[in-house]
Amino acid sequence: MAALVRGPEPLRLHLSAPSLPRRLREVREQVAAWAARLGLSNDRVDDIVLATHEALVNVADHAYPDGGGDAELDADCEQGEVRVVVRDHGCWQPPAADPGWRGRGLVLIGGLAEHIEVCSAAAGTSVAMHWSLPQT
């Protein structure tokens, strides 16, 4: 298993590893610690962690439904905004016709983040999530 790669702290976080979506607990802990170092409220930290978790679950479910696959997470805090981007390099698979109780990841992400952008291409999919920093 490859080691996670970290960027300069505390303003940037970069995680990249094979099977990153399978390491959700470890990733959640690292994202939570990074967001907390930014001085964000507990509620905002929770929103960032849950939205990031959902984006990585989508990678596992839709980009690599047979397992494996690489994912990247880039988080930064610049110009009054927190941005987290989750990328895969897989071939996006549409959800089942009847996902049952599942299939609401992007809706949940949209409710947690102030703005999201989803970009799909032959080289993979990225989900960018944005939150404004509180005005001081």
N, C-alpha and C. Protein backbone atom coordinates (compact mmCIF):
# COMPACT_ATOMS: atom_id res chain seq x y z
N MET A 1 0.85 -1.16 0.00
CA MET A 1 0.00 0.00 0.00
C MET A 1 0.90 1.24 0.00
N ALA A 2 0.64 2.15 -0.91
CA ALA A 2 1.45 3.36 -1.00
C ALA A 2 1.13 4.30 0.15
N ALA A 3 2.11 5.06 0.54
CA ALA A 3 1.91 6.04 1.62
C ALA A 3 1.17 7.24 1.07
N LEU A 4 0.43 7.88 1.92
CA LEU A 4 -0.23 9.11 1.54
C LEU A 4 0.81 10.21 1.41
N VAL A 5 0.59 11.10 0.47
CA VAL A 5 1.50 12.22 0.25
C VAL A 5 0.83 13.47 0.79
N ARG A 6 1.51 14.19 1.63
CA ARG A 6 0.94 15.40 2.24
C ARG A 6 1.62 16.62 1.67
N GLY A 7 0.81 17.69 1.46
CA GLY A 7 1.34 18.97 1.00
C GLY A 7 1.71 19.84 2.18
N PRO A 8 2.17 21.07 1.92
CA PRO A 8 2.51 21.98 3.00
C PRO A 8 1.29 22.24 3.89
N GLU A 9 1.51 22.22 5.19
CA GLU A 9 0.41 22.45 6.13
C GLU A 9 0.52 23.86 6.68
N PRO A 10 -0.53 24.50 7.14
CA PRO A 10 -1.88 23.95 7.26
C PRO A 10 -2.79 24.31 6.09
N LEU A 11 -2.34 25.14 5.14
CA LEU A 11 -3.25 25.64 4.12
C LEU A 11 -3.54 24.64 3.00
N ARG A 12 -2.68 23.67 2.81
CA ARG A 12 -2.88 22.71 1.73
C ARG A 12 -2.81 21.28 2.26
N LEU A 13 -3.61 20.43 1.63
CA LEU A 13 -3.58 19.01 1.95
C LEU A 13 -3.69 18.27 0.62
N HIS A 14 -2.78 17.35 0.39
CA HIS A 14 -2.84 16.52 -0.81
C HIS A 14 -2.72 15.07 -0.39
N LEU A 15 -3.69 14.27 -0.77
CA LEU A 15 -3.67 12.83 -0.50
C LEU A 15 -3.83 12.11 -1.82
N SER A 16 -2.96 11.16 -2.05
CA SER A 16 -3.01 10.40 -3.30
C SER A 16 -2.48 9.01 -3.02
N ALA A 17 -3.28 8.02 -3.36
CA ALA A 17 -2.84 6.65 -3.11
C ALA A 17 -3.73 5.69 -3.87
N PRO A 18 -3.20 4.52 -4.21
CA PRO A 18 -4.06 3.48 -4.74
C PRO A 18 -5.14 3.15 -3.72
N SER A 19 -6.31 2.94 -4.18
CA SER A 19 -7.44 2.55 -3.33
C SER A 19 -7.75 3.56 -2.24
N LEU A 20 -7.50 4.83 -2.51
CA LEU A 20 -7.82 5.87 -1.52
C LEU A 20 -9.28 5.77 -1.06
N PRO A 21 -10.23 5.48 -1.93
CA PRO A 21 -11.61 5.36 -1.45
C PRO A 21 -11.81 4.25 -0.43
N ARG A 22 -10.91 3.28 -0.39
CA ARG A 22 -11.02 2.19 0.60
C ARG A 22 -10.40 2.55 1.93
N ARG A 23 -9.81 3.72 2.00
CA ARG A 23 -9.14 4.16 3.23
C ARG A 23 -9.92 5.33 3.83
N LEU A 24 -11.24 5.24 3.79
CA LEU A 24 -12.09 6.38 4.16
C LEU A 24 -11.88 6.84 5.59
N ARG A 25 -11.74 5.94 6.51
CA ARG A 25 -11.56 6.35 7.92
C ARG A 25 -10.31 7.20 8.07
N GLU A 26 -9.20 6.72 7.52
CA GLU A 26 -7.94 7.45 7.60
C GLU A 26 -8.05 8.82 6.90
N VAL A 27 -8.69 8.84 5.75
CA VAL A 27 -8.85 10.10 5.01
C VAL A 27 -9.73 11.07 5.80
N ARG A 28 -10.83 10.59 6.36
CA ARG A 28 -11.70 11.47 7.16
C ARG A 28 -10.93 12.09 8.31
N GLU A 29 -10.12 11.30 8.99
CA GLU A 29 -9.34 11.81 10.12
C GLU A 29 -8.36 12.89 9.66
N GLN A 30 -7.70 12.67 8.53
CA GLN A 30 -6.74 13.65 8.03
C GLN A 30 -7.42 14.93 7.56
N VAL A 31 -8.56 14.79 6.88
CA VAL A 31 -9.30 15.98 6.43
C VAL A 31 -9.82 16.75 7.64
N ALA A 32 -10.32 16.05 8.64
CA ALA A 32 -10.83 16.72 9.84
C ALA A 32 -9.71 17.48 10.55
N ALA A 33 -8.55 16.86 10.69
CA ALA A 33 -7.43 17.53 11.35
C ALA A 33 -6.98 18.75 10.56
N TRP A 34 -6.91 18.62 9.24
CA TRP A 34 -6.52 19.75 8.38
C TRP A 34 -7.52 20.90 8.51
N ALA A 35 -8.81 20.59 8.41
CA ALA A 35 -9.84 21.64 8.48
C ALA A 35 -9.86 22.29 9.85
N ALA A 36 -9.65 21.52 10.91
CA ALA A 36 -9.63 22.08 12.26
C ALA A 36 -8.47 23.05 12.42
N ARG A 37 -7.32 22.75 11.80
CA ARG A 37 -6.16 23.66 11.88
C ARG A 37 -6.44 25.00 11.21
N LEU A 38 -7.44 25.05 10.36
CA LEU A 38 -7.80 26.31 9.71
C LEU A 38 -8.60 27.21 10.64
N GLY A 39 -9.00 26.69 11.79
CA GLY A 39 -9.77 27.48 12.74
C GLY A 39 -11.26 27.52 12.41
N LEU A 40 -11.73 26.56 11.64
CA LEU A 40 -13.15 26.52 11.28
C LEU A 40 -13.98 25.99 12.44
N SER A 41 -15.26 26.31 12.42
CA SER A 41 -16.17 25.80 13.44
C SER A 41 -16.29 24.29 13.30
N ASN A 42 -16.70 23.65 14.38
CA ASN A 42 -16.90 22.20 14.35
C ASN A 42 -17.92 21.81 13.29
N ASP A 43 -18.98 22.60 13.15
CA ASP A 43 -20.00 22.31 12.15
C ASP A 43 -19.43 22.38 10.74
N ARG A 44 -18.61 23.39 10.46
CA ARG A 44 -18.02 23.53 9.13
C ARG A 44 -17.04 22.38 8.86
N VAL A 45 -16.26 22.01 9.87
CA VAL A 45 -15.34 20.88 9.73
C VAL A 45 -16.13 19.62 9.40
N ASP A 46 -17.23 19.39 10.11
CA ASP A 46 -18.07 18.22 9.86
C ASP A 46 -18.63 18.23 8.43
N ASP A 47 -19.06 19.40 7.95
CA ASP A 47 -19.58 19.52 6.58
C ASP A 47 -18.50 19.13 5.56
N ILE A 48 -17.30 19.63 5.76
CA ILE A 48 -16.20 19.35 4.83
C ILE A 48 -15.85 17.86 4.85
N VAL A 49 -15.78 17.29 6.03
CA VAL A 49 -15.44 15.87 6.16
C VAL A 49 -16.51 14.99 5.52
N LEU A 50 -17.77 15.27 5.79
CA LEU A 50 -18.85 14.44 5.24
C LEU A 50 -18.94 14.58 3.72
N ALA A 51 -18.82 15.80 3.20
CA ALA A 51 -18.87 15.99 1.75
C ALA A 51 -17.70 15.28 1.06
N THR A 52 -16.52 15.37 1.65
CA THR A 52 -15.35 14.69 1.10
C THR A 52 -15.54 13.18 1.13
N HIS A 53 -16.05 12.68 2.23
CA HIS A 53 -16.34 11.25 2.35
C HIS A 53 -17.29 10.80 1.24
N GLU A 54 -18.36 11.53 1.03
CA GLU A 54 -19.34 11.17 0.00
C GLU A 54 -18.72 11.19 -1.39
N ALA A 55 -17.85 12.16 -1.65
CA ALA A 55 -17.19 12.22 -2.96
C ALA A 55 -16.31 10.99 -3.17
N LEU A 56 -15.61 10.56 -2.14
CA LEU A 56 -14.77 9.37 -2.25
C LEU A 56 -15.59 8.09 -2.35
N VAL A 57 -16.72 8.04 -1.69
CA VAL A 57 -17.61 6.89 -1.84
C VAL A 57 -18.11 6.82 -3.29
N ASN A 58 -18.41 7.97 -3.88
CA ASN A 58 -18.82 8.00 -5.29
C ASN A 58 -17.72 7.46 -6.19
N VAL A 59 -16.47 7.79 -5.88
CA VAL A 59 -15.35 7.26 -6.67
C VAL A 59 -15.38 5.73 -6.60
N ALA A 60 -15.50 5.19 -5.42
CA ALA A 60 -15.50 3.74 -5.26
C ALA A 60 -16.69 3.10 -5.98
N ASP A 61 -17.85 3.72 -5.88
CA ASP A 61 -19.07 3.14 -6.46
C ASP A 61 -19.15 3.30 -7.98
N HIS A 62 -18.70 4.44 -8.49
CA HIS A 62 -18.96 4.75 -9.89
C HIS A 62 -17.73 4.69 -10.79
N ALA A 63 -16.56 5.01 -10.28
CA ALA A 63 -15.36 5.00 -11.13
C ALA A 63 -14.69 3.63 -11.11
N TYR A 64 -14.75 2.95 -9.95
CA TYR A 64 -14.07 1.67 -9.80
C TYR A 64 -15.01 0.66 -9.13
N PRO A 65 -16.15 0.36 -9.74
CA PRO A 65 -17.10 -0.54 -9.07
C PRO A 65 -16.56 -1.95 -8.85
N ASP A 66 -15.52 -2.32 -9.60
CA ASP A 66 -14.92 -3.65 -9.42
C ASP A 66 -13.76 -3.63 -8.43
N GLY A 67 -13.53 -2.48 -7.79
CA GLY A 67 -12.46 -2.35 -6.81
C GLY A 67 -11.22 -1.72 -7.38
N GLY A 68 -10.29 -1.36 -6.49
CA GLY A 68 -9.03 -0.77 -6.92
C GLY A 68 -9.19 0.65 -7.39
N GLY A 69 -8.23 1.10 -8.16
CA GLY A 69 -8.29 2.44 -8.73
C GLY A 69 -7.65 3.49 -7.86
N ASP A 70 -7.11 4.50 -8.52
CA ASP A 70 -6.46 5.62 -7.83
C ASP A 70 -7.43 6.77 -7.66
N ALA A 71 -7.25 7.49 -6.59
CA ALA A 71 -8.00 8.72 -6.35
C ALA A 71 -7.05 9.74 -5.75
N GLU A 72 -7.37 11.00 -5.94
CA GLU A 72 -6.59 12.10 -5.39
C GLU A 72 -7.53 13.04 -4.66
N LEU A 73 -7.00 13.63 -3.62
CA LEU A 73 -7.73 14.64 -2.87
C LEU A 73 -6.80 15.83 -2.71
N ASP A 74 -7.27 16.99 -3.14
CA ASP A 74 -6.53 18.23 -2.95
C ASP A 74 -7.42 19.19 -2.20
N ALA A 75 -6.91 19.73 -1.11
CA ALA A 75 -7.66 20.71 -0.33
C ALA A 75 -6.77 21.92 -0.12
N ASP A 76 -7.37 23.10 -0.23
CA ASP A 76 -6.60 24.31 0.04
C ASP A 76 -7.51 25.37 0.61
N CYS A 77 -6.88 26.36 1.17
CA CYS A 77 -7.59 27.50 1.76
C CYS A 77 -6.88 28.74 1.25
N GLU A 78 -7.54 29.44 0.33
CA GLU A 78 -6.96 30.64 -0.28
C GLU A 78 -8.05 31.65 -0.54
N GLN A 79 -7.70 32.89 -0.41
CA GLN A 79 -8.56 34.02 -0.76
C GLN A 79 -9.96 33.88 -0.17
N GLY A 80 -10.01 33.52 1.12
CA GLY A 80 -11.28 33.46 1.83
C GLY A 80 -12.15 32.28 1.49
N GLU A 81 -11.55 31.23 0.92
CA GLU A 81 -12.35 30.07 0.51
C GLU A 81 -11.61 28.78 0.80
N VAL A 82 -12.36 27.80 1.25
CA VAL A 82 -11.87 26.43 1.39
C VAL A 82 -12.36 25.67 0.17
N ARG A 83 -11.44 24.95 -0.46
CA ARG A 83 -11.78 24.17 -1.65
C ARG A 83 -11.21 22.77 -1.49
N VAL A 84 -12.06 21.78 -1.72
CA VAL A 84 -11.64 20.38 -1.69
C VAL A 84 -12.02 19.77 -3.03
N VAL A 85 -11.04 19.14 -3.69
CA VAL A 85 -11.28 18.49 -4.98
C VAL A 85 -10.92 17.01 -4.85
N VAL A 86 -11.85 16.17 -5.25
CA VAL A 86 -11.64 14.72 -5.29
C VAL A 86 -11.64 14.31 -6.76
N ARG A 87 -10.58 13.60 -7.17
CA ARG A 87 -10.45 13.17 -8.57
C ARG A 87 -10.25 11.66 -8.64
N ASP A 88 -10.80 11.08 -9.70
CA ASP A 88 -10.50 9.69 -10.01
C ASP A 88 -9.98 9.63 -11.44
N HIS A 89 -9.49 8.47 -11.81
CA HIS A 89 -8.97 8.26 -13.16
C HIS A 89 -9.67 7.07 -13.80
N GLY A 90 -10.88 6.82 -13.33
CA GLY A 90 -11.65 5.68 -13.82
C GLY A 90 -12.64 6.08 -14.89
N CYS A 91 -13.42 5.12 -15.28
CA CYS A 91 -14.48 5.33 -16.26
C CYS A 91 -15.80 5.33 -15.51
N TRP A 92 -16.43 6.48 -15.43
CA TRP A 92 -17.63 6.65 -14.62
C TRP A 92 -18.73 5.70 -15.05
N GLN A 93 -19.27 4.96 -14.11
CA GLN A 93 -20.37 4.05 -14.36
C GLN A 93 -21.65 4.67 -13.80
N PRO A 94 -22.71 4.72 -14.58
CA PRO A 94 -23.95 5.31 -14.07
C PRO A 94 -24.51 4.46 -12.93
N PRO A 95 -25.27 5.09 -12.05
CA PRO A 95 -25.88 4.33 -10.95
C PRO A 95 -26.92 3.36 -11.49
N ALA A 96 -27.26 2.38 -10.69
CA ALA A 96 -28.30 1.43 -11.06
C ALA A 96 -29.61 2.17 -11.30
N ALA A 97 -30.47 1.58 -12.12
CA ALA A 97 -31.76 2.21 -12.45
C ALA A 97 -32.56 2.51 -11.18
N ASP A 98 -32.51 1.62 -10.23
CA ASP A 98 -33.19 1.84 -8.96
C ASP A 98 -32.16 1.70 -7.86
N PRO A 99 -31.54 2.83 -7.45
CA PRO A 99 -30.49 2.73 -6.43
C PRO A 99 -31.01 2.43 -5.02
N GLY A 100 -32.33 2.37 -4.87
CA GLY A 100 -32.88 2.11 -3.54
C GLY A 100 -32.58 3.26 -2.61
N TRP A 101 -32.05 2.96 -1.44
CA TRP A 101 -31.76 4.00 -0.45
C TRP A 101 -30.46 4.71 -0.75
N ARG A 102 -29.74 4.29 -1.78
CA ARG A 102 -28.46 4.90 -2.14
C ARG A 102 -28.67 5.90 -3.28
N GLY A 103 -27.58 6.46 -3.78
CA GLY A 103 -27.66 7.29 -4.96
C GLY A 103 -27.92 8.76 -4.70
N ARG A 104 -27.64 9.22 -3.51
CA ARG A 104 -27.90 10.62 -3.18
C ARG A 104 -26.64 11.37 -2.78
N GLY A 105 -25.48 10.83 -3.16
CA GLY A 105 -24.21 11.43 -2.75
C GLY A 105 -24.04 12.86 -3.24
N LEU A 106 -24.29 13.12 -4.52
CA LEU A 106 -24.12 14.48 -5.04
C LEU A 106 -25.15 15.44 -4.45
N VAL A 107 -26.34 14.94 -4.17
CA VAL A 107 -27.35 15.79 -3.52
C VAL A 107 -26.87 16.17 -2.12
N LEU A 108 -26.35 15.20 -1.40
CA LEU A 108 -25.83 15.47 -0.06
C LEU A 108 -24.65 16.44 -0.11
N ILE A 109 -23.72 16.20 -1.04
CA ILE A 109 -22.58 17.10 -1.20
C ILE A 109 -23.06 18.52 -1.49
N GLY A 110 -24.05 18.64 -2.38
CA GLY A 110 -24.60 19.95 -2.71
C GLY A 110 -25.25 20.65 -1.53
N GLY A 111 -25.79 19.88 -0.60
CA GLY A 111 -26.38 20.47 0.60
C GLY A 111 -25.36 20.87 1.64
N LEU A 112 -24.19 20.25 1.60
CA LEU A 112 -23.14 20.54 2.59
C LEU A 112 -22.20 21.65 2.13
N ALA A 113 -21.89 21.69 0.84
CA ALA A 113 -20.97 22.68 0.29
C ALA A 113 -21.77 23.88 -0.22
N GLU A 114 -21.11 25.03 -0.26
CA GLU A 114 -21.78 26.21 -0.80
C GLU A 114 -21.86 26.17 -2.32
N HIS A 115 -20.90 25.48 -2.93
CA HIS A 115 -20.86 25.38 -4.39
C HIS A 115 -20.12 24.11 -4.76
N ILE A 116 -20.62 23.38 -5.76
CA ILE A 116 -19.90 22.21 -6.25
C ILE A 116 -19.79 22.27 -7.77
N GLU A 117 -18.74 21.66 -8.28
CA GLU A 117 -18.54 21.52 -9.72
C GLU A 117 -18.16 20.07 -9.98
N VAL A 118 -18.86 19.44 -10.90
CA VAL A 118 -18.55 18.08 -11.28
C VAL A 118 -18.11 18.10 -12.74
N CYS A 119 -16.93 17.59 -13.00
CA CYS A 119 -16.39 17.54 -14.37
C CYS A 119 -16.05 16.10 -14.69
N SER A 120 -16.70 15.57 -15.73
CA SER A 120 -16.41 14.21 -16.18
C SER A 120 -15.75 14.26 -17.54
N ALA A 121 -14.73 13.44 -17.71
CA ALA A 121 -14.02 13.34 -18.98
C ALA A 121 -13.52 11.91 -19.13
N ALA A 122 -12.96 11.62 -20.28
CA ALA A 122 -12.43 10.27 -20.51
C ALA A 122 -11.34 9.91 -19.52
N ALA A 123 -10.62 10.91 -19.03
CA ALA A 123 -9.51 10.67 -18.09
C ALA A 123 -9.96 10.57 -16.65
N GLY A 124 -11.26 10.70 -16.38
CA GLY A 124 -11.75 10.59 -15.01
C GLY A 124 -12.74 11.68 -14.68
N THR A 125 -13.10 11.73 -13.43
CA THR A 125 -14.09 12.69 -12.93
C THR A 125 -13.50 13.44 -11.75
N SER A 126 -13.85 14.72 -11.65
CA SER A 126 -13.46 15.50 -10.47
C SER A 126 -14.70 16.15 -9.87
N VAL A 127 -14.70 16.22 -8.56
CA VAL A 127 -15.75 16.92 -7.82
C VAL A 127 -15.05 17.98 -6.98
N ALA A 128 -15.34 19.25 -7.27
CA ALA A 128 -14.77 20.37 -6.51
C ALA A 128 -15.85 20.94 -5.61
N MET A 129 -15.53 21.05 -4.32
CA MET A 129 -16.47 21.55 -3.32
C MET A 129 -15.88 22.81 -2.70
N HIS A 130 -16.72 23.82 -2.50
CA HIS A 130 -16.25 25.12 -2.03
C HIS A 130 -17.07 25.59 -0.82
N TRP A 131 -16.34 26.22 0.12
CA TRP A 131 -16.96 26.84 1.29
C TRP A 131 -16.27 28.18 1.52
N SER A 132 -17.05 29.21 1.83
CA SER A 132 -16.48 30.50 2.18
C SER A 132 -16.01 30.48 3.62
N LEU A 133 -14.91 31.18 3.89
CA LEU A 133 -14.47 31.35 5.27
C LEU A 133 -15.35 32.39 5.93
N PRO A 134 -15.62 32.23 7.22
CA PRO A 134 -16.42 33.24 7.92
C PRO A 134 -15.70 34.60 7.91
N GLN A 135 -16.47 35.66 7.79
CA GLN A 135 -15.90 37.01 7.82
C GLN A 135 -15.52 37.35 9.25
N THR A 136 -14.35 37.91 9.43
CA THR A 136 -13.92 38.28 10.79
C THR A 136 -13.89 39.77 10.94
